[in-house]
Amino acid sequence: MSAFFTVFLSVFLAELGDKTQLATLLFAADGSRSKFVVFLAASAALLATTAIAVLMGAAAERHLTALPLKLIAGIGFIAIGGFMVAQHFQTAA
């Protein structure tokens, strides 16, 4: 059970205030949309993306055992962050 809570807490904290949550908040704030439909659609989208991540993680474990996966994940986060910073400066200019 500790693995469940570790993953839950990590993903929960990572998702707080991210773009996905803010988009869901804005869809729910639209008075013409059913809150239940917004909840179901957002939940289905998160379920689908999580399933893809699990499948990719399982494939990565099989094929990338020689490389430390935490290092690859860290480099990925840095690359995404760098892209977002660059995108900010491109739109601000």
PDB file of N, CA and C in Angstrom:
ATOM      1  N   MET A   1       0.816  -1.204   0.000  1.00  0.00           N
ATOM      2  CA  MET A   1       0.000   0.000   0.000  1.00  0.00           C
ATOM      3  C   MET A   1       0.858   1.266   0.000  1.00  0.00           C
ATOM      4  N   SER A   2       2.075   1.186   0.530  1.00  0.00           N
ATOM      5  CA  SER A   2       2.903   2.393   0.573  1.00  0.00           C
ATOM      6  C   SER A   2       3.268   2.863  -0.832  1.00  0.00           C
ATOM      7  N   ALA A   3       3.431   1.941  -1.788  1.00  0.00           N
ATOM      8  CA  ALA A   3       3.712   2.340  -3.173  1.00  0.00           C
ATOM      9  C   ALA A   3       2.537   3.134  -3.736  1.00  0.00           C
ATOM     10  N   PHE A   4       1.317   2.703  -3.428  1.00  0.00           N
ATOM     11  CA  PHE A   4       0.123   3.413  -3.888  1.00  0.00           C
ATOM     12  C   PHE A   4       0.125   4.847  -3.373  1.00  0.00           C
ATOM     13  N   PHE A   5       0.355   5.011  -2.075  1.00  0.00           N
ATOM     14  CA  PHE A   5       0.320   6.354  -1.491  1.00  0.00           C
ATOM     15  C   PHE A   5       1.481   7.223  -1.982  1.00  0.00           C
ATOM     16  N   THR A   6       2.633   6.625  -2.216  1.00  0.00           N
ATOM     17  CA  THR A   6       3.772   7.374  -2.743  1.00  0.00           C
ATOM     18  C   THR A   6       3.457   7.906  -4.136  1.00  0.00           C
ATOM     19  N   VAL A   7       2.930   7.045  -5.004  1.00  0.00           N
ATOM     20  CA  VAL A   7       2.576   7.475  -6.361  1.00  0.00           C
ATOM     21  C   VAL A   7       1.440   8.486  -6.303  1.00  0.00           C
ATOM     22  N   PHE A   8       0.409   8.205  -5.500  1.00  0.00           N
ATOM     23  CA  PHE A   8      -0.731   9.118  -5.390  1.00  0.00           C
ATOM     24  C   PHE A   8      -0.272  10.503  -4.957  1.00  0.00           C
ATOM     25  N   LEU A   9       0.498  10.569  -3.894  1.00  0.00           N
ATOM     26  CA  LEU A   9       0.932  11.856  -3.363  1.00  0.00           C
ATOM     27  C   LEU A   9       1.829  12.591  -4.361  1.00  0.00           C
ATOM     28  N   SER A  10       2.730  11.870  -5.011  1.00  0.00           N
ATOM     29  CA  SER A  10       3.618  12.495  -5.991  1.00  0.00           C
ATOM     30  C   SER A  10       2.836  13.086  -7.158  1.00  0.00           C
ATOM     31  N   VAL A  11       1.923  12.305  -7.717  1.00  0.00           N
ATOM     32  CA  VAL A  11       1.127  12.786  -8.856  1.00  0.00           C
ATOM     33  C   VAL A  11       0.172  13.888  -8.418  1.00  0.00           C
ATOM     34  N   PHE A  12      -0.445  13.724  -7.261  1.00  0.00           N
ATOM     35  CA  PHE A  12      -1.383  14.732  -6.753  1.00  0.00           C
ATOM     36  C   PHE A  12      -0.690  16.080  -6.594  1.00  0.00           C
ATOM     37  N   LEU A  13       0.479  16.088  -5.966  1.00  0.00           N
ATOM     38  CA  LEU A  13       1.206  17.342  -5.760  1.00  0.00           C
ATOM     39  C   LEU A  13       1.707  17.919  -7.080  1.00  0.00           C
ATOM     40  N   ALA A  14       2.121  17.051  -8.001  1.00  0.00           N
ATOM     41  CA  ALA A  14       2.598  17.525  -9.303  1.00  0.00           C
ATOM     42  C   ALA A  14       1.473  18.153 -10.118  1.00  0.00           C
ATOM     43  N   GLU A  15       0.255  17.673  -9.948  1.00  0.00           N
ATOM     44  CA  GLU A  15      -0.877  18.165 -10.730  1.00  0.00           C
ATOM     45  C   GLU A  15      -1.486  19.440 -10.166  1.00  0.00           C
ATOM     46  N   LEU A  16      -1.244  19.747  -8.897  1.00  0.00           N
ATOM     47  CA  LEU A  16      -1.842  20.941  -8.299  1.00  0.00           C
ATOM     48  C   LEU A  16      -1.358  22.187  -9.032  1.00  0.00           C
ATOM     49  N   GLY A  17      -2.294  22.940  -9.558  1.00  0.00           N
ATOM     50  CA  GLY A  17      -1.972  24.206 -10.195  1.00  0.00           C
ATOM     51  C   GLY A  17      -1.320  24.106 -11.560  1.00  0.00           C
ATOM     52  N   ASP A  18      -1.277  22.916 -12.150  1.00  0.00           N
ATOM     53  CA  ASP A  18      -0.672  22.816 -13.480  1.00  0.00           C
ATOM     54  C   ASP A  18      -1.678  23.284 -14.534  1.00  0.00           C
ATOM     55  N   LYS A  19      -1.225  23.326 -15.789  1.00  0.00           N
ATOM     56  CA  LYS A  19      -2.084  23.844 -16.866  1.00  0.00           C
ATOM     57  C   LYS A  19      -3.343  23.008 -17.049  1.00  0.00           C
ATOM     58  N   THR A  20      -3.238  21.701 -16.829  1.00  0.00           N
ATOM     59  CA  THR A  20      -4.408  20.836 -16.984  1.00  0.00           C
ATOM     60  C   THR A  20      -5.474  21.192 -15.956  1.00  0.00           C
ATOM     61  N   GLN A  21      -5.050  21.375 -14.726  1.00  0.00           N
ATOM     62  CA  GLN A  21      -6.014  21.719 -13.676  1.00  0.00           C
ATOM     63  C   GLN A  21      -6.620  23.095 -13.926  1.00  0.00           C
ATOM     64  N   LEU A  22      -5.808  24.035 -14.369  1.00  0.00           N
ATOM     65  CA  LEU A  22      -6.343  25.371 -14.644  1.00  0.00           C
ATOM     66  C   LEU A  22      -7.322  25.355 -15.816  1.00  0.00           C
ATOM     67  N   ALA A  23      -7.031  24.559 -16.845  1.00  0.00           N
ATOM     68  CA  ALA A  23      -7.965  24.445 -17.968  1.00  0.00           C
ATOM     69  C   ALA A  23      -9.282  23.838 -17.506  1.00  0.00           C
ATOM     70  N   THR A  24      -9.204  22.806 -16.677  1.00  0.00           N
ATOM     71  CA  THR A  24     -10.419  22.183 -16.148  1.00  0.00           C
ATOM     72  C   THR A  24     -11.215  23.187 -15.316  1.00  0.00           C
ATOM     73  N   LEU A  25     -10.510  23.974 -14.508  1.00  0.00           N
ATOM     74  CA  LEU A  25     -11.168  24.996 -13.690  1.00  0.00           C
ATOM     75  C   LEU A  25     -11.918  25.985 -14.583  1.00  0.00           C
ATOM     76  N   LEU A  26     -11.279  26.404 -15.683  1.00  0.00           N
ATOM     77  CA  LEU A  26     -11.929  27.362 -16.581  1.00  0.00           C
ATOM     78  C   LEU A  26     -13.136  26.747 -17.286  1.00  0.00           C
ATOM     79  N   PHE A  27     -13.022  25.486 -17.706  1.00  0.00           N
ATOM     80  CA  PHE A  27     -14.185  24.828 -18.313  1.00  0.00           C
ATOM     81  C   PHE A  27     -15.329  24.723 -17.307  1.00  0.00           C
ATOM     82  N   ALA A  28     -15.014  24.401 -16.059  1.00  0.00           N
ATOM     83  CA  ALA A  28     -16.055  24.269 -15.037  1.00  0.00           C
ATOM     84  C   ALA A  28     -16.670  25.615 -14.680  1.00  0.00           C
ATOM     85  N   ALA A  29     -15.896  26.690 -14.830  1.00  0.00           N
ATOM     86  CA  ALA A  29     -16.408  28.026 -14.510  1.00  0.00           C
ATOM     87  C   ALA A  29     -17.379  28.544 -15.569  1.00  0.00           C
ATOM     88  N   ASP A  30     -17.386  27.908 -16.730  1.00  0.00           N
ATOM     89  CA  ASP A  30     -18.314  28.304 -17.797  1.00  0.00           C
ATOM     90  C   ASP A  30     -19.710  27.814 -17.421  1.00  0.00           C
ATOM     91  N   GLY A  31     -20.609  28.746 -17.189  1.00  0.00           N
ATOM     92  CA  GLY A  31     -21.952  28.406 -16.732  1.00  0.00           C
ATOM     93  C   GLY A  31     -22.758  27.568 -17.705  1.00  0.00           C
ATOM     94  N   SER A  32     -22.378  27.558 -18.979  1.00  0.00           N
ATOM     95  CA  SER A  32     -23.152  26.804 -19.961  1.00  0.00           C
ATOM     96  C   SER A  32     -22.752  25.334 -20.028  1.00  0.00           C
ATOM     97  N   ARG A  33     -21.680  24.963 -19.328  1.00  0.00           N
ATOM     98  CA  ARG A  33     -21.214  23.572 -19.359  1.00  0.00           C
ATOM     99  C   ARG A  33     -21.645  22.837 -18.099  1.00  0.00           C
ATOM    100  N   SER A  34     -22.010  21.592 -18.286  1.00  0.00           N
ATOM    101  CA  SER A  34     -22.342  20.736 -17.149  1.00  0.00           C
ATOM    102  C   SER A  34     -21.067  20.424 -16.373  1.00  0.00           C
ATOM    103  N   LYS A  35     -21.095  20.657 -15.070  1.00  0.00           N
ATOM    104  CA  LYS A  35     -19.927  20.365 -14.227  1.00  0.00           C
ATOM    105  C   LYS A  35     -19.610  18.878 -14.238  1.00  0.00           C
ATOM    106  N   PHE A  36     -20.643  18.060 -14.323  1.00  0.00           N
ATOM    107  CA  PHE A  36     -20.456  16.610 -14.349  1.00  0.00           C
ATOM    108  C   PHE A  36     -19.751  16.187 -15.639  1.00  0.00           C
ATOM    109  N   VAL A  37     -20.131  16.787 -16.769  1.00  0.00           N
ATOM    110  CA  VAL A  37     -19.489  16.478 -18.045  1.00  0.00           C
ATOM    111  C   VAL A  37     -18.030  16.923 -18.019  1.00  0.00           C
ATOM    112  N   VAL A  38     -17.759  18.099 -17.455  1.00  0.00           N
ATOM    113  CA  VAL A  38     -16.378  18.574 -17.329  1.00  0.00           C
ATOM    114  C   VAL A  38     -15.576  17.591 -16.481  1.00  0.00           C
ATOM    115  N   PHE A  39     -16.143  17.152 -15.361  1.00  0.00           N
ATOM    116  CA  PHE A  39     -15.465  16.191 -14.491  1.00  0.00           C
ATOM    117  C   PHE A  39     -15.186  14.885 -15.225  1.00  0.00           C
ATOM    118  N   LEU A  40     -16.200  14.352 -15.909  1.00  0.00           N
ATOM    119  CA  LEU A  40     -16.011  13.088 -16.629  1.00  0.00           C
ATOM    120  C   LEU A  40     -14.977  13.212 -17.752  1.00  0.00           C
ATOM    121  N   ALA A  41     -15.053  14.298 -18.514  1.00  0.00           N
ATOM    122  CA  ALA A  41     -14.118  14.479 -19.626  1.00  0.00           C
ATOM    123  C   ALA A  41     -12.684  14.657 -19.122  1.00  0.00           C
ATOM    124  N   ALA A  42     -12.511  15.474 -18.096  1.00  0.00           N
ATOM    125  CA  ALA A  42     -11.170  15.692 -17.546  1.00  0.00           C
ATOM    126  C   ALA A  42     -10.628  14.401 -16.922  1.00  0.00           C
ATOM    127  N   SER A  43     -11.488  13.663 -16.239  1.00  0.00           N
ATOM    128  CA  SER A  43     -11.064  12.394 -15.633  1.00  0.00           C
ATOM    129  C   SER A  43     -10.669  11.381 -16.698  1.00  0.00           C
ATOM    130  N   ALA A  44     -11.449  11.300 -17.772  1.00  0.00           N
ATOM    131  CA  ALA A  44     -11.137  10.372 -18.862  1.00  0.00           C
ATOM    132  C   ALA A  44      -9.813  10.751 -19.537  1.00  0.00           C
ATOM    133  N   ALA A  45      -9.600  12.052 -19.725  1.00  0.00           N
ATOM    134  CA  ALA A  45      -8.349  12.504 -20.340  1.00  0.00           C
ATOM    135  C   ALA A  45      -7.151  12.154 -19.452  1.00  0.00           C
ATOM    136  N   LEU A  46      -7.275  12.391 -18.149  1.00  0.00           N
ATOM    137  CA  LEU A  46      -6.176  12.056 -17.235  1.00  0.00           C
ATOM    138  C   LEU A  46      -5.954  10.557 -17.161  1.00  0.00           C
ATOM    139  N   LEU A  47      -7.031   9.793 -17.212  1.00  0.00           N
ATOM    140  CA  LEU A  47      -6.906   8.334 -17.201  1.00  0.00           C
ATOM    141  C   LEU A  47      -6.173   7.856 -18.457  1.00  0.00           C
ATOM    142  N   ALA A  48      -6.526   8.423 -19.606  1.00  0.00           N
ATOM    143  CA  ALA A  48      -5.884   8.026 -20.860  1.00  0.00           C
ATOM    144  C   ALA A  48      -4.405   8.402 -20.878  1.00  0.00           C
ATOM    145  N   THR A  49      -4.069   9.622 -20.440  1.00  0.00           N
ATOM    146  CA  THR A  49      -2.668  10.032 -20.440  1.00  0.00           C
ATOM    147  C   THR A  49      -1.853   9.243 -19.426  1.00  0.00           C
ATOM    148  N   THR A  50      -2.480   8.887 -18.311  1.00  0.00           N
ATOM    149  CA  THR A  50      -1.789   8.075 -17.315  1.00  0.00           C
ATOM    150  C   THR A  50      -1.542   6.672 -17.854  1.00  0.00           C
ATOM    151  N   ALA A  51      -2.509   6.109 -18.563  1.00  0.00           N
ATOM    152  CA  ALA A  51      -2.325   4.779 -19.162  1.00  0.00           C
ATOM    153  C   ALA A  51      -1.172   4.804 -20.166  1.00  0.00           C
ATOM    154  N   ILE A  52      -1.104   5.854 -20.976  1.00  0.00           N
ATOM    155  CA  ILE A  52      -0.003   5.981 -21.934  1.00  0.00           C
ATOM    156  C   ILE A  52       1.328   6.077 -21.193  1.00  0.00           C
ATOM    157  N   ALA A  53       1.377   6.857 -20.122  1.00  0.00           N
ATOM    158  CA  ALA A  53       2.618   7.003 -19.349  1.00  0.00           C
ATOM    159  C   ALA A  53       3.053   5.678 -18.740  1.00  0.00           C
ATOM    160  N   VAL A  54       2.100   4.906 -18.221  1.00  0.00           N
ATOM    161  CA  VAL A  54       2.435   3.602 -17.630  1.00  0.00           C
ATOM    162  C   VAL A  54       2.963   2.654 -18.702  1.00  0.00           C
ATOM    163  N   LEU A  55       2.308   2.620 -19.856  1.00  0.00           N
ATOM    164  CA  LEU A  55       2.775   1.762 -20.949  1.00  0.00           C
ATOM    165  C   LEU A  55       4.170   2.169 -21.424  1.00  0.00           C
ATOM    166  N   MET A  56       4.395   3.468 -21.553  1.00  0.00           N
ATOM    167  CA  MET A  56       5.715   3.939 -21.970  1.00  0.00           C
ATOM    168  C   MET A  56       6.770   3.647 -20.905  1.00  0.00           C
ATOM    169  N   GLY A  57       6.390   3.780 -19.637  1.00  0.00           N
ATOM    170  CA  GLY A  57       7.314   3.460 -18.552  1.00  0.00           C
ATOM    171  C   GLY A  57       7.680   1.987 -18.539  1.00  0.00           C
ATOM    172  N   ALA A  58       6.706   1.130 -18.780  1.00  0.00           N
ATOM    173  CA  ALA A  58       6.969  -0.312 -18.835  1.00  0.00           C
ATOM    174  C   ALA A  58       7.890  -0.647 -20.003  1.00  0.00           C
ATOM    175  N   ALA A  59       7.652  -0.004 -21.163  1.00  0.00           N
ATOM    176  CA  ALA A  59       8.516  -0.236 -22.325  1.00  0.00           C
ATOM    177  C   ALA A  59       9.918   0.306 -22.056  1.00  0.00           C
ATOM    178  N   ALA A  60       9.994   1.457 -21.412  1.00  0.00           N
ATOM    179  CA  ALA A  60      11.298   2.048 -21.098  1.00  0.00           C
ATOM    180  C   ALA A  60      12.084   1.147 -20.154  1.00  0.00           C
ATOM    181  N   GLU A  61      11.389   0.545 -19.210  1.00  0.00           N
ATOM    182  CA  GLU A  61      12.064  -0.356 -18.267  1.00  0.00           C
ATOM    183  C   GLU A  61      12.689  -1.542 -19.001  1.00  0.00           C
ATOM    184  N   ARG A  62      11.997  -2.062 -19.990  1.00  0.00           N
ATOM    185  CA  ARG A  62      12.503  -3.213 -20.743  1.00  0.00           C
ATOM    186  C   ARG A  62      13.663  -2.839 -21.656  1.00  0.00           C
ATOM    187  N   HIS A  63      13.589  -1.651 -22.262  1.00  0.00           N
ATOM    188  CA  HIS A  63      14.548  -1.300 -23.301  1.00  0.00           C
ATOM    189  C   HIS A  63      15.673  -0.383 -22.836  1.00  0.00           C
ATOM    190  N   LEU A  64      15.511   0.252 -21.712  1.00  0.00           N
ATOM    191  CA  LEU A  64      16.505   1.227 -21.271  1.00  0.00           C
ATOM    192  C   LEU A  64      17.107   0.866 -19.917  1.00  0.00           C
ATOM    193  N   THR A  65      17.258  -0.400 -19.660  1.00  0.00           N
ATOM    194  CA  THR A  65      17.760  -0.813 -18.347  1.00  0.00           C
ATOM    195  C   THR A  65      19.192  -0.361 -18.108  1.00  0.00           C
ATOM    196  N   ALA A  66      19.938  -0.091 -19.161  1.00  0.00           N
ATOM    197  CA  ALA A  66      21.319   0.346 -18.989  1.00  0.00           C
ATOM    198  C   ALA A  66      21.399   1.815 -18.568  1.00  0.00           C
ATOM    199  N   LEU A  67      20.352   2.585 -18.833  1.00  0.00           N
ATOM    200  CA  LEU A  67      20.334   4.005 -18.483  1.00  0.00           C
ATOM    201  C   LEU A  67      19.480   4.233 -17.242  1.00  0.00           C
ATOM    202  N   PRO A  68      19.920   5.098 -16.369  1.00  0.00           N
ATOM    203  CA  PRO A  68      19.092   5.397 -15.195  1.00  0.00           C
ATOM    204  C   PRO A  68      17.839   6.173 -15.604  1.00  0.00           C
ATOM    205  N   LEU A  69      16.683   5.582 -15.359  1.00  0.00           N
ATOM    206  CA  LEU A  69      15.425   6.194 -15.803  1.00  0.00           C
ATOM    207  C   LEU A  69      15.150   7.521 -15.112  1.00  0.00           C
ATOM    208  N   LYS A  70      15.588   7.678 -13.867  1.00  0.00           N
ATOM    209  CA  LYS A  70      15.380   8.957 -13.179  1.00  0.00           C
ATOM    210  C   LYS A  70      16.173  10.065 -13.880  1.00  0.00           C
ATOM    211  N   LEU A  71      17.353   9.733 -14.393  1.00  0.00           N
ATOM    212  CA  LEU A  71      18.145  10.712 -15.131  1.00  0.00           C
ATOM    213  C   LEU A  71      17.424  11.121 -16.409  1.00  0.00           C
ATOM    214  N   ILE A  72      16.884  10.148 -17.123  1.00  0.00           N
ATOM    215  CA  ILE A  72      16.143  10.438 -18.361  1.00  0.00           C
ATOM    216  C   ILE A  72      14.926  11.307 -18.041  1.00  0.00           C
ATOM    217  N   ALA A  73      14.194  10.967 -16.980  1.00  0.00           N
ATOM    218  CA  ALA A  73      13.021  11.756 -16.601  1.00  0.00           C
ATOM    219  C   ALA A  73      13.430  13.177 -16.221  1.00  0.00           C
ATOM    220  N   GLY A  74      14.509  13.313 -15.480  1.00  0.00           N
ATOM    221  CA  GLY A  74      14.990  14.642 -15.091  1.00  0.00           C
ATOM    222  C   GLY A  74      15.371  15.482 -16.293  1.00  0.00           C
ATOM    223  N   ILE A  75      16.066  14.887 -17.242  1.00  0.00           N
ATOM    224  CA  ILE A  75      16.446  15.600 -18.469  1.00  0.00           C
ATOM    225  C   ILE A  75      15.188  16.007 -19.242  1.00  0.00           C
ATOM    226  N   GLY A  76      14.197  15.124 -19.264  1.00  0.00           N
ATOM    227  CA  GLY A  76      12.931  15.454 -19.924  1.00  0.00           C
ATOM    228  C   GLY A  76      12.246  16.651 -19.291  1.00  0.00           C
ATOM    229  N   PHE A  77      12.206  16.696 -17.942  1.00  0.00           N
ATOM    230  CA  PHE A  77      11.595  17.833 -17.248  1.00  0.00           C
ATOM    231  C   PHE A  77      12.369  19.123 -17.536  1.00  0.00           C
ATOM    232  N   ILE A  78      13.697  19.043 -17.541  1.00  0.00           N
ATOM    233  CA  ILE A  78      14.504  20.222 -17.837  1.00  0.00           C
ATOM    234  C   ILE A  78      14.237  20.701 -19.270  1.00  0.00           C
ATOM    235  N   ALA A  79      14.143  19.760 -20.218  1.00  0.00           N
ATOM    236  CA  ALA A  79      13.876  20.124 -21.608  1.00  0.00           C
ATOM    237  C   ALA A  79      12.509  20.794 -21.744  1.00  0.00           C
ATOM    238  N   ILE A  80      11.500  20.237 -21.093  1.00  0.00           N
ATOM    239  CA  ILE A  80      10.157  20.833 -21.155  1.00  0.00           C
ATOM    240  C   ILE A  80      10.173  22.223 -20.524  1.00  0.00           C
ATOM    241  N   GLY A  81      10.842  22.355 -19.373  1.00  0.00           N
ATOM    242  CA  GLY A  81      10.940  23.658 -18.715  1.00  0.00           C
ATOM    243  C   GLY A  81      11.651  24.673 -19.588  1.00  0.00           C
ATOM    244  N   GLY A  82      12.750  24.261 -20.225  1.00  0.00           N
ATOM    245  CA  GLY A  82      13.477  25.158 -21.122  1.00  0.00           C
ATOM    246  C   GLY A  82      12.617  25.593 -22.297  1.00  0.00           C
ATOM    247  N   PHE A  83      11.858  24.656 -22.844  1.00  0.00           N
ATOM    248  CA  PHE A  83      10.954  24.977 -23.951  1.00  0.00           C
ATOM    249  C   PHE A  83       9.907  25.989 -23.508  1.00  0.00           C
ATOM    250  N   MET A  84       9.349  25.811 -22.316  1.00  0.00           N
ATOM    251  CA  MET A  84       8.314  26.718 -21.821  1.00  0.00           C
ATOM    252  C   MET A  84       8.887  28.115 -21.566  1.00  0.00           C
ATOM    253  N   VAL A  85      10.107  28.189 -21.022  1.00  0.00           N
ATOM    254  CA  VAL A  85      10.744  29.490 -20.794  1.00  0.00           C
ATOM    255  C   VAL A  85      11.006  30.184 -22.129  1.00  0.00           C
ATOM    256  N   ALA A  86      11.549  29.442 -23.100  1.00  0.00           N
ATOM    257  CA  ALA A  86      11.804  30.011 -24.417  1.00  0.00           C
ATOM    258  C   ALA A  86      10.515  30.483 -25.069  1.00  0.00           C
ATOM    259  N   GLN A  87       9.459  29.700 -24.934  1.00  0.00           N
ATOM    260  CA  GLN A  87       8.160  30.068 -25.511  1.00  0.00           C
ATOM    261  C   GLN A  87       7.634  31.346 -24.875  1.00  0.00           C
ATOM    262  N   HIS A  88       7.849  31.492 -23.573  1.00  0.00           N
ATOM    263  CA  HIS A  88       7.409  32.709 -22.870  1.00  0.00           C
ATOM    264  C   HIS A  88       8.094  33.943 -23.462  1.00  0.00           C
ATOM    265  N   PHE A  89       9.410  33.850 -23.650  1.00  0.00           N
ATOM    266  CA  PHE A  89      10.144  34.998 -24.160  1.00  0.00           C
ATOM    267  C   PHE A  89       9.823  35.281 -25.626  1.00  0.00           C
ATOM    268  N   GLN A  90       9.471  34.258 -26.373  1.00  0.00           N
ATOM    269  CA  GLN A  90       9.093  34.474 -27.774  1.00  0.00           C
ATOM    270  C   GLN A  90       7.767  35.207 -27.865  1.00  0.00           C
ATOM    271  N   THR A  91       6.820  34.860 -27.010  1.00  0.00           N
ATOM    272  CA  THR A  91       5.513  35.533 -27.049  1.00  0.00           C
ATOM    273  C   THR A  91       5.565  36.896 -26.393  1.00  0.00           C
ATOM    274  N   ALA A  92       6.501  37.122 -25.460  1.00  0.00           N
ATOM    275  CA  ALA A  92       6.600  38.412 -24.785  1.00  0.00           C
ATOM    276  C   ALA A  92       7.299  39.443 -25.661  1.00  0.00           C
ATOM    277  N   ALA A  93       8.086  38.988 -26.614  1.00  0.00           N
ATOM    278  CA  ALA A  93       8.858  39.935 -27.456  1.00  0.00           C
ATOM    279  C   ALA A  93       8.044  40.515 -28.572  1.00  0.00           C
TER     280      ALA A  93
END
